[in-house]
């Protein structure tokens, strides 16, 4: 396997692991997919949506507790190098399904270091 293929395999695996943990509403497994100093951004505005595992644990833990039927389904995943682009449909978040795009940048350690979201 070439180095480029290995990077894309690792990126795809990291994106899938966080999705699986999200759908299981397992905050420990979910947060473990991210770098300790992970940065989250709003894709439309560029504004920060938080930084660090502690903030993710607090925010997603609360989300997982209140949204008991939460489920994200990837309708399209593209991987280019160490970046995964997921188009998703999320149910259990609002009354109607939510369409989202998430972009995950994965470090050499296989942990997600930056995330950009847009939700419609």
N, C-alpha and C. Protein backbone atom coordinates (compact mmCIF):
# COMPACT_ATOMS: atom_id res chain seq x y z
N UNK A 1 0.85 -1.17 0.00
CA UNK A 1 0.00 0.00 0.00
C UNK A 1 0.90 1.24 0.00
N UNK A 2 0.59 2.19 -0.85
CA UNK A 2 1.37 3.42 -0.91
C UNK A 2 1.07 4.28 0.31
N UNK A 3 1.96 5.22 0.58
CA UNK A 3 1.74 6.13 1.72
C UNK A 3 0.45 6.92 1.55
N UNK A 4 0.18 7.39 0.32
CA UNK A 4 -1.05 8.15 0.07
C UNK A 4 -2.29 7.29 0.35
N UNK A 5 -2.25 6.04 -0.07
CA UNK A 5 -3.38 5.14 0.20
C UNK A 5 -3.55 4.89 1.69
N UNK A 6 -2.44 4.76 2.42
CA UNK A 6 -2.50 4.54 3.86
C UNK A 6 -3.10 5.76 4.57
N UNK A 7 -2.72 6.96 4.13
CA UNK A 7 -3.28 8.18 4.73
C UNK A 7 -4.79 8.22 4.50
N UNK A 8 -5.23 7.93 3.29
CA UNK A 8 -6.66 7.95 3.00
C UNK A 8 -7.41 6.85 3.75
N UNK A 9 -6.80 5.68 3.91
CA UNK A 9 -7.42 4.59 4.67
C UNK A 9 -7.59 5.02 6.13
N UNK A 10 -6.56 5.62 6.70
CA UNK A 10 -6.61 6.09 8.09
C UNK A 10 -7.67 7.19 8.25
N UNK A 11 -7.74 8.10 7.31
CA UNK A 11 -8.72 9.18 7.35
C UNK A 11 -10.14 8.64 7.29
N UNK A 12 -10.37 7.70 6.38
CA UNK A 12 -11.70 7.08 6.25
C UNK A 12 -12.07 6.34 7.54
N UNK A 13 -11.13 5.62 8.11
CA UNK A 13 -11.39 4.87 9.35
C UNK A 13 -11.70 5.81 10.51
N UNK A 14 -11.00 6.93 10.60
CA UNK A 14 -11.25 7.90 11.68
C UNK A 14 -12.63 8.52 11.55
N UNK A 15 -13.00 8.89 10.34
CA UNK A 15 -14.33 9.48 10.11
C UNK A 15 -15.42 8.47 10.46
N UNK A 16 -15.22 7.21 10.10
CA UNK A 16 -16.22 6.18 10.39
C UNK A 16 -16.30 5.89 11.88
N UNK A 17 -15.17 5.86 12.56
CA UNK A 17 -15.17 5.58 14.01
C UNK A 17 -15.94 6.63 14.79
N UNK A 18 -15.75 7.90 14.43
CA UNK A 18 -16.49 8.94 15.15
C UNK A 18 -17.97 8.87 14.81
N UNK A 19 -18.32 8.52 13.59
CA UNK A 19 -19.73 8.37 13.21
C UNK A 19 -20.38 7.23 13.99
N UNK A 20 -19.68 6.11 14.08
CA UNK A 20 -20.22 4.97 14.81
C UNK A 20 -20.45 5.32 16.28
N UNK A 21 -19.49 6.01 16.89
CA UNK A 21 -19.62 6.41 18.30
C UNK A 21 -20.75 7.43 18.48
N UNK A 22 -20.88 8.35 17.52
CA UNK A 22 -21.96 9.35 17.54
C UNK A 22 -23.31 8.64 17.52
N UNK A 23 -23.47 7.70 16.60
CA UNK A 23 -24.74 7.00 16.48
C UNK A 23 -25.04 6.10 17.68
N UNK A 24 -24.00 5.63 18.35
CA UNK A 24 -24.18 4.85 19.57
C UNK A 24 -24.41 5.77 20.78
N UNK A 25 -24.24 7.08 20.56
CA UNK A 25 -24.33 8.08 21.62
C UNK A 25 -23.38 7.73 22.77
N UNK A 26 -22.18 7.25 22.39
CA UNK A 26 -21.14 6.87 23.35
C UNK A 26 -20.13 8.01 23.41
N UNK A 27 -20.31 8.89 24.38
CA UNK A 27 -19.49 10.10 24.44
C UNK A 27 -18.01 9.77 24.64
N UNK A 28 -17.69 8.73 25.40
CA UNK A 28 -16.28 8.39 25.61
C UNK A 28 -15.63 7.93 24.31
N UNK A 29 -16.27 7.03 23.60
CA UNK A 29 -15.73 6.56 22.32
C UNK A 29 -15.68 7.69 21.30
N UNK A 30 -16.70 8.53 21.31
CA UNK A 30 -16.76 9.66 20.38
C UNK A 30 -15.59 10.62 20.60
N UNK A 31 -15.42 11.07 21.83
CA UNK A 31 -14.37 12.03 22.14
C UNK A 31 -12.98 11.43 21.89
N UNK A 32 -12.83 10.14 22.07
CA UNK A 32 -11.54 9.48 21.86
C UNK A 32 -11.09 9.53 20.40
N UNK A 33 -12.00 9.83 19.48
CA UNK A 33 -11.66 9.92 18.05
C UNK A 33 -10.99 11.25 17.70
N UNK A 34 -10.97 12.18 18.64
CA UNK A 34 -10.50 13.53 18.38
C UNK A 34 -9.22 13.83 19.15
N UNK A 35 -8.40 14.69 18.57
CA UNK A 35 -7.17 15.14 19.23
C UNK A 35 -7.53 15.92 20.49
N UNK A 36 -6.65 15.89 21.51
CA UNK A 36 -6.94 16.64 22.74
C UNK A 36 -7.25 18.12 22.52
N UNK A 37 -6.62 18.73 21.50
CA UNK A 37 -6.83 20.15 21.23
C UNK A 37 -7.66 20.38 19.96
N UNK A 38 -8.55 19.44 19.65
CA UNK A 38 -9.38 19.54 18.45
C UNK A 38 -10.06 20.91 18.37
N UNK A 39 -10.19 21.39 17.14
CA UNK A 39 -10.87 22.67 16.89
C UNK A 39 -12.08 22.40 16.02
N UNK A 40 -13.22 23.03 16.37
CA UNK A 40 -14.45 22.89 15.60
C UNK A 40 -14.87 24.26 15.08
N UNK A 41 -15.33 24.28 13.82
CA UNK A 41 -15.68 25.55 13.18
C UNK A 41 -17.01 25.44 12.45
N UNK A 42 -17.71 26.57 12.36
CA UNK A 42 -18.88 26.71 11.51
C UNK A 42 -18.37 26.97 10.10
N UNK A 43 -18.71 26.11 9.16
CA UNK A 43 -18.19 26.22 7.80
C UNK A 43 -18.67 27.48 7.10
N UNK A 44 -19.88 27.93 7.38
CA UNK A 44 -20.42 29.10 6.70
C UNK A 44 -19.78 30.40 7.17
N UNK A 45 -19.55 30.50 8.46
CA UNK A 45 -19.05 31.77 9.01
C UNK A 45 -17.57 31.73 9.37
N UNK A 46 -17.02 30.53 9.52
CA UNK A 46 -15.64 30.39 9.97
C UNK A 46 -15.49 30.56 11.47
N UNK A 47 -16.58 30.84 12.15
CA UNK A 47 -16.53 31.05 13.60
C UNK A 47 -16.20 29.76 14.33
N UNK A 48 -15.49 29.88 15.42
CA UNK A 48 -15.17 28.74 16.26
C UNK A 48 -16.44 28.20 16.91
N UNK A 49 -16.55 26.88 16.94
CA UNK A 49 -17.67 26.23 17.65
C UNK A 49 -17.15 25.47 18.86
N UNK A 50 -15.89 25.71 19.21
CA UNK A 50 -15.33 25.09 20.39
C UNK A 50 -13.96 24.51 20.14
N UNK A 51 -13.30 24.20 21.23
CA UNK A 51 -11.97 23.61 21.14
C UNK A 51 -11.76 22.67 22.30
N UNK A 52 -11.12 21.56 22.02
CA UNK A 52 -10.72 20.62 23.05
C UNK A 52 -11.74 19.54 23.37
N UNK A 53 -11.19 18.43 23.84
CA UNK A 53 -12.03 17.28 24.19
C UNK A 53 -13.00 17.57 25.33
N UNK A 54 -12.56 18.36 26.32
CA UNK A 54 -13.44 18.64 27.47
C UNK A 54 -14.71 19.34 27.01
N UNK A 55 -14.57 20.31 26.12
CA UNK A 55 -15.75 21.01 25.59
C UNK A 55 -16.63 20.06 24.78
N UNK A 56 -15.99 19.20 23.97
CA UNK A 56 -16.76 18.23 23.19
C UNK A 56 -17.51 17.28 24.11
N UNK A 57 -16.84 16.80 25.14
CA UNK A 57 -17.48 15.88 26.08
C UNK A 57 -18.72 16.53 26.71
N UNK A 58 -18.59 17.79 27.12
CA UNK A 58 -19.71 18.50 27.73
C UNK A 58 -20.85 18.69 26.73
N UNK A 59 -20.52 19.23 25.55
CA UNK A 59 -21.55 19.56 24.57
C UNK A 59 -22.21 18.32 23.97
N UNK A 60 -21.41 17.35 23.55
CA UNK A 60 -21.97 16.16 22.93
C UNK A 60 -22.59 15.23 23.97
N UNK A 61 -22.05 15.22 25.18
CA UNK A 61 -22.67 14.44 26.25
C UNK A 61 -24.09 14.91 26.50
N UNK A 62 -24.27 16.23 26.55
CA UNK A 62 -25.61 16.80 26.75
C UNK A 62 -26.51 16.47 25.56
N UNK A 63 -25.98 16.57 24.34
CA UNK A 63 -26.75 16.24 23.15
C UNK A 63 -27.18 14.78 23.16
N UNK A 64 -26.24 13.88 23.46
CA UNK A 64 -26.55 12.46 23.46
C UNK A 64 -27.59 12.13 24.53
N UNK A 65 -27.56 12.83 25.66
CA UNK A 65 -28.54 12.59 26.73
C UNK A 65 -29.95 13.02 26.34
N UNK A 66 -30.05 14.14 25.63
CA UNK A 66 -31.39 14.66 25.32
C UNK A 66 -31.94 14.13 24.00
N UNK A 67 -31.09 13.78 23.05
CA UNK A 67 -31.55 13.32 21.73
C UNK A 67 -31.38 11.81 21.66
N UNK A 68 -32.31 11.10 22.27
CA UNK A 68 -32.15 9.65 22.44
C UNK A 68 -32.35 8.85 21.15
N UNK A 69 -32.87 9.47 20.11
CA UNK A 69 -33.02 8.75 18.83
C UNK A 69 -32.09 9.34 17.76
N UNK A 70 -31.05 10.02 18.20
CA UNK A 70 -30.10 10.66 17.30
C UNK A 70 -29.44 9.66 16.38
N UNK A 71 -29.38 9.96 15.09
CA UNK A 71 -28.73 9.08 14.12
C UNK A 71 -28.27 9.90 12.92
N UNK A 72 -27.00 9.77 12.58
CA UNK A 72 -26.47 10.42 11.39
C UNK A 72 -26.17 9.34 10.36
N UNK A 73 -26.62 9.58 9.14
CA UNK A 73 -26.38 8.64 8.04
C UNK A 73 -25.59 9.37 6.98
N UNK A 74 -24.45 8.83 6.63
CA UNK A 74 -23.62 9.44 5.59
C UNK A 74 -24.21 9.06 4.23
N UNK A 75 -24.53 10.07 3.44
CA UNK A 75 -25.05 9.81 2.09
C UNK A 75 -23.95 9.87 1.05
N UNK A 76 -22.83 10.50 1.42
CA UNK A 76 -21.68 10.55 0.52
C UNK A 76 -20.45 10.89 1.34
N UNK A 77 -19.41 10.10 1.19
CA UNK A 77 -18.13 10.39 1.85
C UNK A 77 -17.05 10.41 0.76
N UNK A 78 -16.31 11.50 0.74
CA UNK A 78 -15.15 11.63 -0.14
C UNK A 78 -13.94 11.85 0.75
N UNK A 79 -12.84 11.23 0.39
CA UNK A 79 -11.61 11.38 1.14
C UNK A 79 -10.52 11.83 0.18
N UNK A 80 -9.85 12.90 0.56
CA UNK A 80 -8.72 13.42 -0.20
C UNK A 80 -7.58 13.59 0.80
N UNK A 81 -6.59 12.74 0.69
CA UNK A 81 -5.48 12.79 1.63
C UNK A 81 -5.97 12.58 3.04
N UNK A 82 -5.66 13.54 3.91
CA UNK A 82 -6.04 13.41 5.33
C UNK A 82 -7.32 14.18 5.67
N UNK A 83 -8.17 14.43 4.67
CA UNK A 83 -9.42 15.15 4.89
C UNK A 83 -10.59 14.32 4.37
N UNK A 84 -11.60 14.14 5.23
CA UNK A 84 -12.83 13.44 4.86
C UNK A 84 -13.96 14.45 4.77
N UNK A 85 -14.76 14.32 3.74
CA UNK A 85 -15.92 15.18 3.50
C UNK A 85 -17.16 14.30 3.59
N UNK A 86 -17.98 14.50 4.61
CA UNK A 86 -19.19 13.69 4.80
C UNK A 86 -20.43 14.53 4.58
N UNK A 87 -21.26 14.10 3.64
CA UNK A 87 -22.60 14.67 3.50
C UNK A 87 -23.51 13.75 4.29
N UNK A 88 -24.31 14.32 5.18
CA UNK A 88 -25.09 13.51 6.13
C UNK A 88 -26.55 13.94 6.18
N UNK A 89 -27.37 13.01 6.59
CA UNK A 89 -28.74 13.28 6.98
C UNK A 89 -28.83 12.85 8.44
N UNK A 90 -29.22 13.80 9.30
CA UNK A 90 -29.28 13.54 10.74
C UNK A 90 -30.74 13.56 11.17
N UNK A 91 -31.14 12.48 11.85
CA UNK A 91 -32.49 12.41 12.41
C UNK A 91 -32.37 12.39 13.93
N UNK A 92 -33.47 12.79 14.58
CA UNK A 92 -33.51 12.80 16.03
C UNK A 92 -32.95 14.07 16.65
N UNK A 93 -32.54 15.01 15.80
CA UNK A 93 -31.99 16.28 16.28
C UNK A 93 -33.08 17.35 16.34
N UNK A 94 -33.91 17.37 15.32
CA UNK A 94 -35.03 18.29 15.21
C UNK A 94 -36.26 17.50 14.79
N UNK A 95 -37.37 18.19 14.57
CA UNK A 95 -38.60 17.50 14.15
C UNK A 95 -38.46 16.84 12.79
N UNK A 96 -37.70 17.47 11.91
CA UNK A 96 -37.49 16.94 10.57
C UNK A 96 -36.01 16.60 10.39
N UNK A 97 -35.70 15.72 9.45
CA UNK A 97 -34.29 15.40 9.20
C UNK A 97 -33.49 16.67 8.86
N UNK A 98 -32.25 16.66 9.27
CA UNK A 98 -31.35 17.78 9.05
C UNK A 98 -30.28 17.33 8.06
N UNK A 99 -29.99 18.17 7.09
CA UNK A 99 -28.92 17.89 6.13
C UNK A 99 -27.67 18.63 6.60
N UNK A 100 -26.55 17.94 6.53
CA UNK A 100 -25.31 18.52 7.05
C UNK A 100 -24.13 18.13 6.19
N UNK A 101 -23.08 18.92 6.28
CA UNK A 101 -21.78 18.61 5.70
C UNK A 101 -20.78 18.74 6.83
N UNK A 102 -19.96 17.72 7.00
CA UNK A 102 -18.90 17.76 7.99
C UNK A 102 -17.58 17.46 7.28
N UNK A 103 -16.58 18.23 7.62
CA UNK A 103 -15.25 18.04 7.06
C UNK A 103 -14.32 17.75 8.22
N UNK A 104 -13.60 16.63 8.12
CA UNK A 104 -12.71 16.18 9.19
C UNK A 104 -11.28 16.17 8.69
N UNK A 105 -10.41 16.87 9.40
CA UNK A 105 -8.97 16.81 9.11
C UNK A 105 -8.34 15.87 10.13
N UNK A 106 -7.63 14.87 9.64
CA UNK A 106 -7.08 13.82 10.48
C UNK A 106 -5.57 13.94 10.55
N UNK A 107 -5.03 13.89 11.75
CA UNK A 107 -3.59 13.97 11.96
C UNK A 107 -2.90 12.64 11.70
N UNK A 108 -1.57 12.66 11.72
CA UNK A 108 -0.77 11.46 11.51
C UNK A 108 -1.07 10.39 12.55
N UNK A 109 -1.58 10.79 13.71
CA UNK A 109 -1.90 9.86 14.79
C UNK A 109 -3.26 9.21 14.62
N UNK A 110 -3.98 9.58 13.54
CA UNK A 110 -5.31 9.02 13.29
C UNK A 110 -6.42 9.72 14.04
N UNK A 111 -6.09 10.76 14.79
CA UNK A 111 -7.11 11.53 15.52
C UNK A 111 -7.55 12.73 14.70
N UNK A 112 -8.81 13.07 14.82
CA UNK A 112 -9.36 14.22 14.10
C UNK A 112 -8.92 15.49 14.81
N UNK A 113 -8.25 16.38 14.06
CA UNK A 113 -7.69 17.58 14.67
C UNK A 113 -8.53 18.83 14.41
N UNK A 114 -9.27 18.85 13.30
CA UNK A 114 -10.14 19.99 12.98
C UNK A 114 -11.41 19.47 12.32
N UNK A 115 -12.50 20.18 12.63
CA UNK A 115 -13.80 19.82 12.06
C UNK A 115 -14.50 21.10 11.63
N UNK A 116 -15.11 21.06 10.46
CA UNK A 116 -15.95 22.16 9.96
C UNK A 116 -17.34 21.57 9.70
N UNK A 117 -18.39 22.28 10.15
CA UNK A 117 -19.77 21.82 9.99
C UNK A 117 -20.61 22.88 9.29
N UNK A 118 -21.56 22.42 8.53
CA UNK A 118 -22.65 23.29 8.07
C UNK A 118 -23.91 22.43 8.15
N UNK A 119 -24.96 23.01 8.73
CA UNK A 119 -26.21 22.30 8.93
C UNK A 119 -27.34 23.14 8.34
N UNK A 120 -28.23 22.46 7.59
CA UNK A 120 -29.36 23.18 7.02
C UNK A 120 -30.65 22.81 7.73
